[in-house]
Amino acid sequence: MKIAKTTLVLMGLFTLAACASPQEQAARAAAQTQADSAECERLGFTPDTDAFANCQLKLKEIRAQEENTQALRRAQTPPPFWGPWPGYYPHPYPYRRW
């Protein structure tokens, strides 16, 4: 029983350690915004104009589309070893012998 409690506590601590704090999330968002601004300036847009804002918006849209594409690829990738448990095959007759 003590092992189960210890394991549960450790799992909870690891879960909390994997989470990013709000300050870390804000810092990442600020760094991304700054990188987007620098990219739009490099492309020749003047800050504080509509074209500059559109450039930043387009960069965000491109990044969101790339994230969606990666998520779809991860969802379509088959699990290793033909499934999550031994003996599972996606086809009823995996080894045909002619």
PDB file of N, CA and C in Angstrom:
ATOM      1  N   MET A   1       0.824  -1.194   0.000  1.00  0.00           N
ATOM      2  CA  MET A   1       0.000   0.000   0.000  1.00  0.00           C
ATOM      3  C   MET A   1       0.867   1.257   0.000  1.00  0.00           C
ATOM      4  N   LYS A   2       1.989   1.184   0.709  1.00  0.00           N
ATOM      5  CA  LYS A   2       2.873   2.332   0.764  1.00  0.00           C
ATOM      6  C   LYS A   2       3.512   2.589  -0.601  1.00  0.00           C
ATOM      7  N   ILE A   3       3.780   1.525  -1.347  1.00  0.00           N
ATOM      8  CA  ILE A   3       4.368   1.673  -2.685  1.00  0.00           C
ATOM      9  C   ILE A   3       3.378   2.377  -3.606  1.00  0.00           C
ATOM     10  N   ALA A   4       2.108   2.028  -3.506  1.00  0.00           N
ATOM     11  CA  ALA A   4       1.089   2.647  -4.353  1.00  0.00           C
ATOM     12  C   ALA A   4       0.973   4.140  -4.055  1.00  0.00           C
ATOM     13  N   LYS A   5       1.005   4.510  -2.784  1.00  0.00           N
ATOM     14  CA  LYS A   5       0.925   5.929  -2.418  1.00  0.00           C
ATOM     15  C   LYS A   5       2.150   6.682  -2.921  1.00  0.00           C
ATOM     16  N   THR A   6       3.312   6.072  -2.758  1.00  0.00           N
ATOM     17  CA  THR A   6       4.545   6.720  -3.219  1.00  0.00           C
ATOM     18  C   THR A   6       4.519   6.895  -4.727  1.00  0.00           C
ATOM     19  N   THR A   7       4.077   5.880  -5.434  1.00  0.00           N
ATOM     20  CA  THR A   7       3.993   5.954  -6.884  1.00  0.00           C
ATOM     21  C   THR A   7       3.018   7.044  -7.312  1.00  0.00           C
ATOM     22  N   LEU A   8       1.887   7.128  -6.648  1.00  0.00           N
ATOM     23  CA  LEU A   8       0.891   8.147  -6.968  1.00  0.00           C
ATOM     24  C   LEU A   8       1.441   9.548  -6.732  1.00  0.00           C
ATOM     25  N   VAL A   9       2.144   9.736  -5.641  1.00  0.00           N
ATOM     26  CA  VAL A   9       2.724  11.040  -5.342  1.00  0.00           C
ATOM     27  C   VAL A   9       3.778  11.402  -6.386  1.00  0.00           C
ATOM     28  N   LEU A  10       4.634  10.440  -6.748  1.00  0.00           N
ATOM     29  CA  LEU A  10       5.655  10.707  -7.752  1.00  0.00           C
ATOM     30  C   LEU A  10       5.047  11.039  -9.108  1.00  0.00           C
ATOM     31  N   MET A  11       3.990  10.329  -9.490  1.00  0.00           N
ATOM     32  CA  MET A  11       3.323  10.623 -10.760  1.00  0.00           C
ATOM     33  C   MET A  11       2.751  12.039 -10.741  1.00  0.00           C
ATOM     34  N   GLY A  12       2.183  12.441  -9.620  1.00  0.00           N
ATOM     35  CA  GLY A  12       1.654  13.793  -9.505  1.00  0.00           C
ATOM     36  C   GLY A  12       2.746  14.848  -9.611  1.00  0.00           C
ATOM     37  N   LEU A  13       3.880  14.598  -8.971  1.00  0.00           N
ATOM     38  CA  LEU A  13       4.993  15.543  -9.045  1.00  0.00           C
ATOM     39  C   LEU A  13       5.548  15.644 -10.464  1.00  0.00           C
ATOM     40  N   PHE A  14       5.669  14.500 -11.147  1.00  0.00           N
ATOM     41  CA  PHE A  14       6.161  14.534 -12.523  1.00  0.00           C
ATOM     42  C   PHE A  14       5.187  15.263 -13.438  1.00  0.00           C
ATOM     43  N   THR A  15       3.897  15.095 -13.195  1.00  0.00           N
ATOM     44  CA  THR A  15       2.894  15.790 -13.997  1.00  0.00           C
ATOM     45  C   THR A  15       3.002  17.295 -13.800  1.00  0.00           C
ATOM     46  N   LEU A  16       3.163  17.719 -12.559  1.00  0.00           N
ATOM     47  CA  LEU A  16       3.291  19.147 -12.293  1.00  0.00           C
ATOM     48  C   LEU A  16       4.593  19.711 -12.854  1.00  0.00           C
ATOM     49  N   ALA A  17       5.642  18.927 -12.820  1.00  0.00           N
ATOM     50  CA  ALA A  17       6.925  19.394 -13.346  1.00  0.00           C
ATOM     51  C   ALA A  17       6.869  19.572 -14.858  1.00  0.00           C
ATOM     52  N   ALA A  18       6.025  18.808 -15.532  1.00  0.00           N
ATOM     53  CA  ALA A  18       5.926  18.896 -16.990  1.00  0.00           C
ATOM     54  C   ALA A  18       5.130  20.121 -17.446  1.00  0.00           C
ATOM     55  N   CYS A  19       4.346  20.689 -16.581  1.00  0.00           N
ATOM     56  CA  CYS A  19       3.526  21.844 -16.936  1.00  0.00           C
ATOM     57  C   CYS A  19       4.372  23.110 -16.955  1.00  0.00           C
ATOM     58  N   ALA A  20       4.030  24.009 -17.841  1.00  0.00           N
ATOM     59  CA  ALA A  20       4.717  25.293 -17.896  1.00  0.00           C
ATOM     60  C   ALA A  20       3.939  26.299 -17.063  1.00  0.00           C
ATOM     61  N   SER A  21       4.663  27.129 -16.351  1.00  0.00           N
ATOM     62  CA  SER A  21       4.013  28.150 -15.529  1.00  0.00           C
ATOM     63  C   SER A  21       3.466  29.253 -16.437  1.00  0.00           C
ATOM     64  N   PRO A  22       2.536  30.043 -15.944  1.00  0.00           N
ATOM     65  CA  PRO A  22       2.009  31.142 -16.759  1.00  0.00           C
ATOM     66  C   PRO A  22       3.099  32.134 -17.182  1.00  0.00           C
ATOM     67  N   GLN A  23       4.094  32.320 -16.317  1.00  0.00           N
ATOM     68  CA  GLN A  23       5.187  33.231 -16.665  1.00  0.00           C
ATOM     69  C   GLN A  23       5.994  32.668 -17.841  1.00  0.00           C
ATOM     70  N   GLU A  24       6.226  31.349 -17.843  1.00  0.00           N
ATOM     71  CA  GLU A  24       6.951  30.735 -18.945  1.00  0.00           C
ATOM     72  C   GLU A  24       6.158  30.818 -20.240  1.00  0.00           C
ATOM     73  N   GLN A  25       4.856  30.598 -20.149  1.00  0.00           N
ATOM     74  CA  GLN A  25       4.015  30.696 -21.337  1.00  0.00           C
ATOM     75  C   GLN A  25       4.004  32.119 -21.878  1.00  0.00           C
ATOM     76  N   ALA A  26       3.931  33.119 -20.976  1.00  0.00           N
ATOM     77  CA  ALA A  26       3.935  34.520 -21.406  1.00  0.00           C
ATOM     78  C   ALA A  26       5.279  34.884 -22.035  1.00  0.00           C
ATOM     79  N   ALA A  27       6.369  34.358 -21.469  1.00  0.00           N
ATOM     80  CA  ALA A  27       7.692  34.645 -22.024  1.00  0.00           C
ATOM     81  C   ALA A  27       7.830  34.048 -23.423  1.00  0.00           C
ATOM     82  N   ARG A  28       7.310  32.823 -23.610  1.00  0.00           N
ATOM     83  CA  ARG A  28       7.364  32.211 -24.938  1.00  0.00           C
ATOM     84  C   ARG A  28       6.542  33.005 -25.945  1.00  0.00           C
ATOM     85  N   ALA A  29       5.347  33.447 -25.526  1.00  0.00           N
ATOM     86  CA  ALA A  29       4.487  34.228 -26.424  1.00  0.00           C
ATOM     87  C   ALA A  29       5.151  35.559 -26.783  1.00  0.00           C
ATOM     88  N   ALA A  30       5.790  36.203 -25.810  1.00  0.00           N
ATOM     89  CA  ALA A  30       6.456  37.473 -26.073  1.00  0.00           C
ATOM     90  C   ALA A  30       7.638  37.276 -27.023  1.00  0.00           C
ATOM     91  N   ALA A  31       8.387  36.203 -26.831  1.00  0.00           N
ATOM     92  CA  ALA A  31       9.518  35.919 -27.715  1.00  0.00           C
ATOM     93  C   ALA A  31       9.039  35.641 -29.132  1.00  0.00           C
ATOM     94  N   GLN A  32       7.916  34.930 -29.262  1.00  0.00           N
ATOM     95  CA  GLN A  32       7.377  34.636 -30.594  1.00  0.00           C
ATOM     96  C   GLN A  32       6.887  35.911 -31.267  1.00  0.00           C
ATOM     97  N   THR A  33       6.235  36.787 -30.515  1.00  0.00           N
ATOM     98  CA  THR A  33       5.766  38.057 -31.068  1.00  0.00           C
ATOM     99  C   THR A  33       6.937  38.915 -31.519  1.00  0.00           C
ATOM    100  N   GLN A  34       7.991  38.926 -30.713  1.00  0.00           N
ATOM    101  CA  GLN A  34       9.175  39.694 -31.077  1.00  0.00           C
ATOM    102  C   GLN A  34       9.830  39.127 -32.339  1.00  0.00           C
ATOM    103  N   ALA A  35       9.884  37.806 -32.439  1.00  0.00           N
ATOM    104  CA  ALA A  35      10.455  37.184 -33.632  1.00  0.00           C
ATOM    105  C   ALA A  35       9.606  37.492 -34.860  1.00  0.00           C
ATOM    106  N   ASP A  36       8.279  37.482 -34.700  1.00  0.00           N
ATOM    107  CA  ASP A  36       7.393  37.824 -35.817  1.00  0.00           C
ATOM    108  C   ASP A  36       7.600  39.274 -36.258  1.00  0.00           C
ATOM    109  N   SER A  37       7.737  40.174 -35.285  1.00  0.00           N
ATOM    110  CA  SER A  37       7.958  41.585 -35.612  1.00  0.00           C
ATOM    111  C   SER A  37       9.268  41.770 -36.360  1.00  0.00           C
ATOM    112  N   ALA A  38      10.303  41.088 -35.888  1.00  0.00           N
ATOM    113  CA  ALA A  38      11.600  41.188 -36.557  1.00  0.00           C
ATOM    114  C   ALA A  38      11.520  40.648 -37.985  1.00  0.00           C
ATOM    115  N   GLU A  39      10.796  39.551 -38.174  1.00  0.00           N
ATOM    116  CA  GLU A  39      10.651  38.970 -39.517  1.00  0.00           C
ATOM    117  C   GLU A  39       9.897  39.919 -40.445  1.00  0.00           C
ATOM    118  N   CYS A  40       8.834  40.533 -39.950  1.00  0.00           N
ATOM    119  CA  CYS A  40       8.068  41.462 -40.786  1.00  0.00           C
ATOM    120  C   CYS A  40       8.900  42.700 -41.128  1.00  0.00           C
ATOM    121  N   GLU A  41       9.697  43.181 -40.162  1.00  0.00           N
ATOM    122  CA  GLU A  41      10.583  44.312 -40.457  1.00  0.00           C
ATOM    123  C   GLU A  41      11.633  43.914 -41.491  1.00  0.00           C
ATOM    124  N   ARG A  42      12.154  42.700 -41.380  1.00  0.00           N
ATOM    125  CA  ARG A  42      13.147  42.224 -42.336  1.00  0.00           C
ATOM    126  C   ARG A  42      12.554  42.152 -43.743  1.00  0.00           C
ATOM    127  N   LEU A  43      11.255  41.827 -43.804  1.00  0.00           N
ATOM    128  CA  LEU A  43      10.593  41.744 -45.106  1.00  0.00           C
ATOM    129  C   LEU A  43      10.266  43.122 -45.691  1.00  0.00           C
ATOM    130  N   GLY A  44      10.464  44.184 -44.898  1.00  0.00           N
ATOM    131  CA  GLY A  44      10.287  45.533 -45.421  1.00  0.00           C
ATOM    132  C   GLY A  44       9.019  46.234 -44.979  1.00  0.00           C
ATOM    133  N   PHE A  45       8.273  45.675 -44.047  1.00  0.00           N
ATOM    134  CA  PHE A  45       7.060  46.336 -43.569  1.00  0.00           C
ATOM    135  C   PHE A  45       7.409  47.334 -42.474  1.00  0.00           C
ATOM    136  N   THR A  46       6.700  48.462 -42.457  1.00  0.00           N
ATOM    137  CA  THR A  46       6.927  49.495 -41.453  1.00  0.00           C
ATOM    138  C   THR A  46       6.068  49.196 -40.228  1.00  0.00           C
ATOM    139  N   PRO A  47       6.688  49.225 -39.027  1.00  0.00           N
ATOM    140  CA  PRO A  47       5.903  48.958 -37.808  1.00  0.00           C
ATOM    141  C   PRO A  47       4.749  49.952 -37.646  1.00  0.00           C
ATOM    142  N   ASP A  48       3.718  49.500 -36.956  1.00  0.00           N
ATOM    143  CA  ASP A  48       2.520  50.297 -36.657  1.00  0.00           C
ATOM    144  C   ASP A  48       1.735  50.688 -37.906  1.00  0.00           C
ATOM    145  N   THR A  49       1.737  49.823 -38.912  1.00  0.00           N
ATOM    146  CA  THR A  49       0.896  50.034 -40.091  1.00  0.00           C
ATOM    147  C   THR A  49       0.000  48.815 -40.261  1.00  0.00           C
ATOM    148  N   ASP A  50      -1.013  48.962 -41.092  1.00  0.00           N
ATOM    149  CA  ASP A  50      -1.914  47.838 -41.344  1.00  0.00           C
ATOM    150  C   ASP A  50      -1.190  46.686 -42.029  1.00  0.00           C
ATOM    151  N   ALA A  51      -0.288  46.998 -42.938  1.00  0.00           N
ATOM    152  CA  ALA A  51       0.457  45.949 -43.633  1.00  0.00           C
ATOM    153  C   ALA A  51       1.335  45.164 -42.650  1.00  0.00           C
ATOM    154  N   PHE A  52       1.912  45.859 -41.688  1.00  0.00           N
ATOM    155  CA  PHE A  52       2.740  45.202 -40.678  1.00  0.00           C
ATOM    156  C   PHE A  52       1.885  44.266 -39.828  1.00  0.00           C
ATOM    157  N   ALA A  53       0.707  44.719 -39.439  1.00  0.00           N
ATOM    158  CA  ALA A  53      -0.210  43.889 -38.650  1.00  0.00           C
ATOM    159  C   ALA A  53      -0.663  42.672 -39.458  1.00  0.00           C
ATOM    160  N   ASN A  54      -0.939  42.877 -40.743  1.00  0.00           N
ATOM    161  CA  ASN A  54      -1.325  41.757 -41.600  1.00  0.00           C
ATOM    162  C   ASN A  54      -0.192  40.743 -41.740  1.00  0.00           C
ATOM    163  N   CYS A  55       1.038  41.240 -41.807  1.00  0.00           N
ATOM    164  CA  CYS A  55       2.196  40.348 -41.886  1.00  0.00           C
ATOM    165  C   CYS A  55       2.283  39.483 -40.629  1.00  0.00           C
ATOM    166  N   GLN A  56       2.134  40.096 -39.458  1.00  0.00           N
ATOM    167  CA  GLN A  56       2.179  39.338 -38.206  1.00  0.00           C
ATOM    168  C   GLN A  56       1.043  38.316 -38.141  1.00  0.00           C
ATOM    169  N   LEU A  57      -0.144  38.732 -38.579  1.00  0.00           N
ATOM    170  CA  LEU A  57      -1.288  37.817 -38.584  1.00  0.00           C
ATOM    171  C   LEU A  57      -1.040  36.640 -39.511  1.00  0.00           C
ATOM    172  N   LYS A  58      -0.473  36.898 -40.674  1.00  0.00           N
ATOM    173  CA  LYS A  58      -0.194  35.825 -41.630  1.00  0.00           C
ATOM    174  C   LYS A  58       0.832  34.848 -41.061  1.00  0.00           C
ATOM    175  N   LEU A  59       1.848  35.343 -40.364  1.00  0.00           N
ATOM    176  CA  LEU A  59       2.827  34.461 -39.744  1.00  0.00           C
ATOM    177  C   LEU A  59       2.176  33.562 -38.683  1.00  0.00           C
ATOM    178  N   LYS A  60       1.243  34.140 -37.914  1.00  0.00           N
ATOM    179  CA  LYS A  60       0.528  33.336 -36.918  1.00  0.00           C
ATOM    180  C   LYS A  60      -0.342  32.278 -37.590  1.00  0.00           C
ATOM    181  N   GLU A  61      -0.983  32.642 -38.686  1.00  0.00           N
ATOM    182  CA  GLU A  61      -1.809  31.674 -39.416  1.00  0.00           C
ATOM    183  C   GLU A  61      -0.956  30.534 -39.976  1.00  0.00           C
ATOM    184  N   ILE A  62       0.199  30.876 -40.515  1.00  0.00           N
ATOM    185  CA  ILE A  62       1.095  29.846 -41.052  1.00  0.00           C
ATOM    186  C   ILE A  62       1.541  28.902 -39.944  1.00  0.00           C
ATOM    187  N   ARG A  63       1.898  29.452 -38.791  1.00  0.00           N
ATOM    188  CA  ARG A  63       2.331  28.619 -37.668  1.00  0.00           C
ATOM    189  C   ARG A  63       1.200  27.708 -37.187  1.00  0.00           C
ATOM    190  N   ALA A  64      -0.016  28.230 -37.131  1.00  0.00           N
ATOM    191  CA  ALA A  64      -1.162  27.414 -36.711  1.00  0.00           C
ATOM    192  C   ALA A  64      -1.424  26.288 -37.711  1.00  0.00           C
ATOM    193  N   GLN A  65      -1.300  26.587 -39.002  1.00  0.00           N
ATOM    194  CA  GLN A  65      -1.497  25.563 -40.026  1.00  0.00           C
ATOM    195  C   GLN A  65      -0.436  24.471 -39.914  1.00  0.00           C
ATOM    196  N   GLU A  66       0.815  24.871 -39.650  1.00  0.00           N
ATOM    197  CA  GLU A  66       1.880  23.880 -39.483  1.00  0.00           C
ATOM    198  C   GLU A  66       1.632  22.992 -38.263  1.00  0.00           C
ATOM    199  N   GLU A  67       1.157  23.584 -37.175  1.00  0.00           N
ATOM    200  CA  GLU A  67       0.834  22.793 -35.984  1.00  0.00           C
ATOM    201  C   GLU A  67      -0.291  21.803 -36.268  1.00  0.00           C
ATOM    202  N   ASN A  68      -1.310  22.239 -37.022  1.00  0.00           N
ATOM    203  CA  ASN A  68      -2.406  21.340 -37.387  1.00  0.00           C
ATOM    204  C   ASN A  68      -1.913  20.197 -38.264  1.00  0.00           C
ATOM    205  N   THR A  69      -1.043  20.516 -39.207  1.00  0.00           N
ATOM    206  CA  THR A  69      -0.498  19.481 -40.087  1.00  0.00           C
ATOM    207  C   THR A  69       0.308  18.459 -39.290  1.00  0.00           C
ATOM    208  N   GLN A  70       1.128  18.935 -38.365  1.00  0.00           N
ATOM    209  CA  GLN A  70       1.910  18.018 -37.531  1.00  0.00           C
ATOM    210  C   GLN A  70       1.006  17.153 -36.659  1.00  0.00           C
ATOM    211  N   ALA A  71      -0.064  17.742 -36.129  1.00  0.00           N
ATOM    212  CA  ALA A  71      -0.993  16.967 -35.307  1.00  0.00           C
ATOM    213  C   ALA A  71      -1.680  15.883 -36.130  1.00  0.00           C
ATOM    214  N   LEU A  72      -2.052  16.200 -37.364  1.00  0.00           N
ATOM    215  CA  LEU A  72      -2.668  15.200 -38.239  1.00  0.00           C
ATOM    216  C   LEU A  72      -1.689  14.081 -38.567  1.00  0.00           C
ATOM    217  N   ARG A  73      -0.433  14.437 -38.823  1.00  0.00           N
ATOM    218  CA  ARG A  73       0.568  13.409 -39.105  1.00  0.00           C
ATOM    219  C   ARG A  73       0.774  12.493 -37.903  1.00  0.00           C
ATOM    220  N   ARG A  74       0.809  13.088 -36.704  1.00  0.00           N
ATOM    221  CA  ARG A  74       0.961  12.261 -35.500  1.00  0.00           C
ATOM    222  C   ARG A  74      -0.234  11.330 -35.320  1.00  0.00           C
ATOM    223  N   ALA A  75      -1.419  11.837 -35.634  1.00  0.00           N
ATOM    224  CA  ALA A  75      -2.627  11.015 -35.472  1.00  0.00           C
ATOM    225  C   ALA A  75      -2.675   9.885 -36.497  1.00  0.00           C
ATOM    226  N   GLN A  76      -2.110  10.093 -37.679  1.00  0.00           N
ATOM    227  CA  GLN A  76      -2.161   9.078 -38.725  1.00  0.00           C
ATOM    228  C   GLN A  76      -0.993   8.105 -38.681  1.00  0.00           C
ATOM    229  N   THR A  77       0.013   8.389 -37.853  1.00  0.00           N
ATOM    230  CA  THR A  77       1.159   7.494 -37.751  1.00  0.00           C
ATOM    231  C   THR A  77       0.762   6.270 -36.945  1.00  0.00           C
ATOM    232  N   PRO A  78       0.967   5.086 -37.481  1.00  0.00           N
ATOM    233  CA  PRO A  78       0.584   3.891 -36.723  1.00  0.00           C
ATOM    234  C   PRO A  78       1.487   3.715 -35.503  1.00  0.00           C
ATOM    235  N   PRO A  79       0.960   3.120 -34.459  1.00  0.00           N
ATOM    236  CA  PRO A  79       1.778   2.891 -33.277  1.00  0.00           C
ATOM    237  C   PRO A  79       2.875   1.874 -33.584  1.00  0.00           C
ATOM    238  N   PRO A  80       3.931   1.864 -32.803  1.00  0.00           N
ATOM    239  CA  PRO A  80       5.011   0.916 -33.073  1.00  0.00           C
ATOM    240  C   PRO A  80       4.564  -0.523 -32.849  1.00  0.00           C
ATOM    241  N   PHE A  81       5.194  -1.422 -33.522  1.00  0.00           N
ATOM    242  CA  PHE A  81       4.934  -2.859 -33.379  1.00  0.00           C
ATOM    243  C   PHE A  81       3.505  -3.223 -33.747  1.00  0.00           C
ATOM    244  N   TRP A  82       2.925  -2.525 -34.704  1.00  0.00           N
ATOM    245  CA  TRP A  82       1.578  -2.803 -35.230  1.00  0.00           C
ATOM    246  C   TRP A  82       0.491  -2.708 -34.185  1.00  0.00           C
ATOM    247  N   GLY A  83       0.678  -1.969 -33.150  1.00  0.00           N
ATOM    248  CA  GLY A  83      -0.407  -1.769 -32.209  1.00  0.00           C
ATOM    249  C   GLY A  83       0.054  -1.655 -30.774  1.00  0.00           C
ATOM    250  N   PRO A  84      -0.867  -1.316 -29.925  1.00  0.00           N
ATOM    251  CA  PRO A  84      -0.504  -1.091 -28.530  1.00  0.00           C
ATOM    252  C   PRO A  84      -0.318  -2.368 -27.726  1.00  0.00           C
ATOM    253  N   TRP A  85      -0.683  -3.518 -28.238  1.00  0.00           N
ATOM    254  CA  TRP A  85      -0.516  -4.756 -27.482  1.00  0.00           C
ATOM    255  C   TRP A  85       0.012  -5.856 -28.407  1.00  0.00           C
ATOM    256  N   PRO A  86       0.681  -6.838 -27.851  1.00  0.00           N
ATOM    257  CA  PRO A  86       1.238  -7.906 -28.697  1.00  0.00           C
ATOM    258  C   PRO A  86       0.128  -8.710 -29.378  1.00  0.00           C
ATOM    259  N   GLY A  87       0.384  -9.109 -30.592  1.00  0.00           N
ATOM    260  CA  GLY A  87      -0.579  -9.922 -31.320  1.00  0.00           C
ATOM    261  C   GLY A  87      -1.573  -9.125 -32.127  1.00  0.00           C
ATOM    262  N   TYR A  88      -1.538  -7.800 -32.056  1.00  0.00           N
ATOM    263  CA  TYR A  88      -2.471  -6.976 -32.812  1.00  0.00           C
ATOM    264  C   TYR A  88      -1.868  -6.690 -34.180  1.00  0.00           C
ATOM    265  N   TYR A  89      -2.647  -6.909 -35.229  1.00  0.00           N
ATOM    266  CA  TYR A  89      -2.211  -6.600 -36.578  1.00  0.00           C
ATOM    267  C   TYR A  89      -3.318  -5.817 -37.265  1.00  0.00           C
ATOM    268  N   PRO A  90      -2.970  -4.819 -38.072  1.00  0.00           N
ATOM    269  CA  PRO A  90      -4.008  -4.026 -38.728  1.00  0.00           C
ATOM    270  C   PRO A  90      -4.778  -4.804 -39.786  1.00  0.00           C
ATOM    271  N   HIS A  91      -4.235  -5.885 -40.261  1.00  0.00           N
ATOM    272  CA  HIS A  91      -4.888  -6.696 -41.279  1.00  0.00           C
ATOM    273  C   HIS A  91      -5.127  -8.080 -40.694  1.00  0.00           C
ATOM    274  N   PRO A  92      -6.270  -8.712 -40.988  1.00  0.00           N
ATOM    275  CA  PRO A  92      -6.550 -10.014 -40.371  1.00  0.00           C
ATOM    276  C   PRO A  92      -5.566 -11.100 -40.773  1.00  0.00           C
ATOM    277  N   TYR A  93      -4.935 -10.981 -41.929  1.00  0.00           N
ATOM    278  CA  TYR A  93      -3.974 -11.988 -42.374  1.00  0.00           C
ATOM    279  C   TYR A  93      -2.659 -11.283 -42.690  1.00  0.00           C
ATOM    280  N   PRO A  94      -1.846 -10.997 -41.669  1.00  0.00           N
ATOM    281  CA  PRO A  94      -0.656 -10.169 -41.915  1.00  0.00           C
ATOM    282  C   PRO A  94       0.420 -10.843 -42.729  1.00  0.00           C
ATOM    283  N   TYR A  95       0.517 -12.146 -42.673  1.00  0.00           N
ATOM    284  CA  TYR A  95       1.588 -12.841 -43.396  1.00  0.00           C
ATOM    285  C   TYR A  95       0.961 -13.828 -44.378  1.00  0.00           C
ATOM    286  N   ARG A  96       0.801 -13.379 -45.607  1.00  0.00           N
ATOM    287  CA  ARG A  96       0.258 -14.250 -46.625  1.00  0.00           C
ATOM    288  C   ARG A  96       1.367 -15.066 -47.252  1.00  0.00           C
ATOM    289  N   ARG A  97       1.133 -16.319 -47.411  1.00  0.00           N
ATOM    290  CA  ARG A  97       2.103 -17.172 -48.078  1.00  0.00           C
ATOM    291  C   ARG A  97       1.455 -17.732 -49.328  1.00  0.00           C
ATOM    292  N   TRP A  98       2.002 -17.386 -50.433  1.00  0.00           N
ATOM    293  CA  TRP A  98       1.410 -17.803 -51.705  1.00  0.00           C
ATOM    294  C   TRP A  98       1.966 -19.084 -52.130  1.00  0.00           C
TER     295      TRP A  98
END
